[in-house]
Amino acid sequence: MADRGITPSQTAGPYFAYALTPGTTYAYPALVGNDLTTPDAIGEPIVVVGHLTDGNGKPVPDGFLELWQADGAGRYSSGEARQNTAFKGFGRAATDKDGAFSFRTVKPGAVDAPGGSKQAPHINVSVFARGILRRVFTRIYFAGETANEGDPVLALVPAERRGTLIARRDGEANGTPRYVFDVRLQGDEETVFFET
């Protein structure tokens, strides 16, 4: 067989509505959605809203975000410490035509860090969008958390870039505290993304 060279890379989309983001274009059942709350979830209910934009600040209408987080007691859904709660800590939301997304969840508690210290409350985020070869990873921290100062991961980020990881409190949504967290894929004010 003749050598045909290297196959070109393919981007991650745009195909995000297919079975990945229920309630959008296709009528798939909601295997996972943007409401992470359960009646017995430990933690303060919150809403996280934001926009996904490209390097020019234009909305990305066909992307989606996945969240993975601990509950208000700092417990992830895996492991033996997950007793007495149905909170899964995982959700997914598609962006709309304006690049907007939203999640209803609980504010996470501090989780263990290597060496016995604690990490500041945060939410792990994966971003999928057209034009990227692999999903990118970031974190949502919360403005006003005193634990942010000692967080070992946040400390790795240059001080002038940390603001791209901090969600700001912005009123309420139906009586629930609302936090705003925008994701910029490139350019000025690009969100800090982490290597896996």
Protein backbone atom coordinates (compact mmCIF):
# COMPACT_ATOMS: atom_id res chain seq x y z
CA MET A 1 0.00 0.00 0.00
CA ALA A 2 1.35 3.44 -0.88
CA ASP A 3 2.24 5.92 1.85
CA ARG A 4 -0.47 8.60 1.81
CA GLY A 5 1.05 10.93 4.37
CA ILE A 6 -0.35 12.27 7.59
CA THR A 7 -4.08 12.58 8.02
CA PRO A 8 -5.08 16.18 8.83
CA SER A 9 -6.41 17.02 12.30
CA GLN A 10 -10.11 17.46 12.80
CA THR A 11 -11.72 19.97 15.10
CA ALA A 12 -14.12 19.02 17.90
CA GLY A 13 -17.29 20.22 16.19
CA PRO A 14 -19.74 21.63 15.36
CA TYR A 15 -21.89 18.66 16.42
CA PHE A 16 -22.64 19.40 20.04
CA ALA A 17 -26.43 19.13 19.93
CA TYR A 18 -26.35 15.41 19.09
CA ALA A 19 -27.28 13.59 22.32
CA LEU A 20 -24.90 15.77 24.33
CA THR A 21 -27.09 18.74 25.15
CA PRO A 22 -30.72 17.72 25.74
CA GLY A 23 -33.42 20.29 25.21
CA THR A 24 -31.77 21.90 22.21
CA THR A 25 -32.15 20.97 18.54
CA TYR A 26 -32.80 17.24 18.91
CA ALA A 27 -35.32 15.45 21.13
CA TYR A 28 -32.95 13.27 23.16
CA PRO A 29 -33.72 12.38 26.76
CA ALA A 30 -31.94 14.36 29.45
CA LEU A 31 -29.14 12.01 30.45
CA VAL A 32 -27.37 14.98 31.97
CA GLY A 33 -28.39 18.61 32.04
CA ASN A 34 -27.60 22.00 33.50
CA ASP A 35 -29.44 21.53 36.83
CA LEU A 36 -27.10 19.68 39.20
CA THR A 37 -29.24 20.17 42.29
CA THR A 38 -30.97 17.35 44.13
CA PRO A 39 -33.37 17.65 47.08
CA ASP A 40 -30.75 16.33 49.51
CA ALA A 41 -27.68 18.12 48.10
CA ILE A 42 -25.54 19.73 50.76
CA GLY A 43 -24.61 23.34 50.02
CA GLU A 44 -26.03 26.73 49.18
CA PRO A 45 -27.99 26.64 45.91
CA ILE A 46 -26.47 28.98 43.30
CA VAL A 47 -26.86 29.82 39.62
CA VAL A 48 -23.80 30.23 37.38
CA VAL A 49 -24.36 32.16 34.15
CA GLY A 50 -21.99 33.35 31.47
CA HIS A 51 -21.03 33.61 27.82
CA LEU A 52 -18.61 31.61 25.69
CA THR A 53 -16.81 33.88 23.21
CA ASP A 54 -14.08 33.46 20.61
CA GLY A 55 -10.85 35.44 20.22
CA ASN A 56 -12.71 38.38 18.68
CA GLY A 57 -15.26 38.52 21.51
CA LYS A 58 -18.00 37.05 19.30
CA PRO A 59 -20.43 34.51 20.77
CA VAL A 60 -19.83 30.80 20.20
CA PRO A 61 -23.39 29.55 19.58
CA ASP A 62 -22.60 25.85 19.18
CA GLY A 63 -20.35 25.02 22.11
CA PHE A 64 -21.02 23.41 25.44
CA LEU A 65 -19.58 23.31 28.93
CA GLU A 66 -19.34 20.44 31.38
CA LEU A 67 -19.10 20.96 35.12
CA TRP A 68 -17.69 18.57 37.70
CA GLN A 69 -17.67 19.61 41.31
CA ALA A 70 -17.86 18.66 44.96
CA ASP A 71 -20.94 19.28 47.08
CA GLY A 72 -21.09 21.90 49.83
CA ALA A 73 -19.24 19.57 52.21
CA GLY A 74 -16.32 19.20 49.77
CA ARG A 75 -17.26 15.66 48.66
CA TYR A 76 -17.13 14.44 45.06
CA SER A 77 -19.68 11.88 43.89
CA SER A 78 -17.14 9.06 43.80
CA GLY A 79 -15.67 7.34 46.83
CA GLU A 80 -17.03 6.01 50.09
CA ALA A 81 -17.42 9.47 51.64
CA ARG A 82 -20.49 10.13 49.45
CA GLN A 83 -23.12 8.98 51.91
CA ASN A 84 -26.66 10.32 52.22
CA THR A 85 -26.79 12.42 49.07
CA ALA A 86 -27.92 11.91 45.48
CA PHE A 87 -25.90 14.93 44.28
CA LYS A 88 -23.86 13.78 41.28
CA GLY A 89 -21.78 16.92 40.82
CA PHE A 90 -21.78 16.64 37.01
CA GLY A 91 -23.70 18.67 34.45
CA ARG A 92 -23.65 19.90 30.89
CA ALA A 93 -25.07 22.98 29.16
CA ALA A 94 -25.10 24.08 25.54
CA THR A 95 -24.54 27.68 24.54
CA ASP A 96 -27.38 29.51 22.84
CA LYS A 97 -27.22 31.81 19.78
CA ASP A 98 -25.67 34.53 21.96
CA GLY A 99 -23.06 32.16 23.45
CA ALA A 100 -24.91 32.17 26.79
CA PHE A 101 -25.00 29.23 29.20
CA SER A 102 -26.33 28.65 32.70
CA PHE A 103 -26.14 26.09 35.48
CA ARG A 104 -28.10 25.59 38.67
CA THR A 105 -25.99 23.86 41.32
CA VAL A 106 -24.73 24.21 44.88
CA LYS A 107 -21.71 26.21 45.95
CA PRO A 108 -18.96 23.64 46.48
CA GLY A 109 -17.02 23.25 49.69
CA ALA A 110 -13.24 23.14 50.04
CA VAL A 111 -11.63 19.89 48.87
CA ASP A 112 -8.37 18.26 49.90
CA ALA A 113 -5.17 19.21 48.13
CA PRO A 114 -1.94 17.21 47.98
CA GLY A 115 0.04 17.49 51.19
CA GLY A 116 -3.01 17.75 53.44
CA SER A 117 -3.94 21.37 52.68
CA LYS A 118 -7.30 22.47 51.25
CA GLN A 119 -8.22 23.89 47.86
CA ALA A 120 -10.56 26.87 47.70
CA PRO A 121 -14.14 26.11 46.66
CA HIS A 122 -14.14 25.70 42.89
CA ILE A 123 -15.91 24.05 39.98
CA ASN A 124 -13.99 22.14 37.31
CA VAL A 125 -15.03 23.09 33.77
CA SER A 126 -14.47 21.45 30.38
CA VAL A 127 -15.19 23.58 27.31
CA PHE A 128 -16.00 22.11 23.90
CA ALA A 129 -16.29 24.35 20.85
CA ARG A 130 -15.76 24.46 17.11
CA GLY A 131 -12.23 25.16 16.03
CA ILE A 132 -10.51 23.38 18.93
CA LEU A 133 -8.99 19.93 18.58
CA ARG A 134 -9.55 18.86 22.18
CA ARG A 135 -11.66 20.17 24.99
CA VAL A 136 -10.00 22.69 27.24
CA PHE A 137 -10.09 22.73 31.03
CA THR A 138 -10.48 25.59 33.46
CA ARG A 139 -11.89 26.28 36.92
CA ILE A 140 -14.47 28.58 38.43
CA TYR A 141 -13.47 30.15 41.74
CA PHE A 142 -15.72 32.53 43.66
CA ALA A 143 -15.09 36.20 44.40
CA GLY A 144 -14.76 37.01 48.09
CA GLU A 145 -13.55 33.56 49.18
CA THR A 146 -10.72 33.99 51.68
CA ALA A 147 -9.49 30.49 50.77
CA ASN A 148 -8.58 31.77 47.26
CA GLU A 149 -5.41 33.30 48.71
CA GLY A 150 -4.03 29.91 49.75
CA ASP A 151 -5.31 27.76 46.90
CA PRO A 152 -2.34 25.80 45.46
CA VAL A 153 -3.72 25.70 41.90
CA LEU A 154 -4.74 29.36 41.79
CA ALA A 155 -1.26 30.24 43.11
CA LEU A 156 0.23 28.77 39.90
CA VAL A 157 -1.61 31.38 37.81
CA PRO A 158 0.07 34.79 37.39
CA ALA A 159 -1.72 37.35 39.57
CA GLU A 160 -2.77 39.48 36.59
CA ARG A 161 -4.55 36.47 34.98
CA ARG A 162 -6.37 35.11 38.05
CA GLY A 163 -9.39 37.32 37.43
CA THR A 164 -10.31 35.15 34.42
CA LEU A 165 -11.00 32.30 36.87
CA ILE A 166 -13.10 34.24 39.39
CA ALA A 167 -16.90 34.27 39.16
CA ARG A 168 -18.41 37.48 40.48
CA ARG A 169 -21.60 37.62 42.48
CA ASP A 170 -24.28 39.46 40.50
CA GLY A 171 -27.57 39.61 42.35
CA GLU A 172 -30.06 36.78 42.40
CA ALA A 173 -32.04 34.62 40.00
CA ASN A 174 -35.45 33.81 41.50
CA GLY A 175 -34.07 34.20 45.01
CA THR A 176 -30.92 32.15 44.34
CA PRO A 177 -27.47 33.80 44.38
CA ARG A 178 -26.21 34.32 40.82
CA TYR A 179 -22.55 34.23 39.79
CA VAL A 180 -21.25 35.40 36.41
CA PHE A 181 -18.39 33.52 34.77
CA ASP A 182 -17.51 34.27 31.14
CA VAL A 183 -15.21 32.05 29.08
CA ARG A 184 -13.04 33.64 26.38
CA LEU A 185 -11.27 31.11 24.15
CA GLN A 186 -8.49 33.38 22.85
CA GLY A 187 -7.34 36.97 22.61
CA ASP A 188 -7.50 39.74 25.18
CA GLU A 189 -8.79 38.49 28.54
CA GLU A 190 -8.45 34.86 27.40
CA THR A 191 -9.57 32.53 30.18
CA VAL A 192 -6.74 30.61 31.84
CA PHE A 193 -6.84 26.97 30.73
CA PHE A 194 -4.96 24.12 32.41
CA GLU A 195 -3.00 21.19 31.02
CA THR A 196 -4.38 17.76 31.82
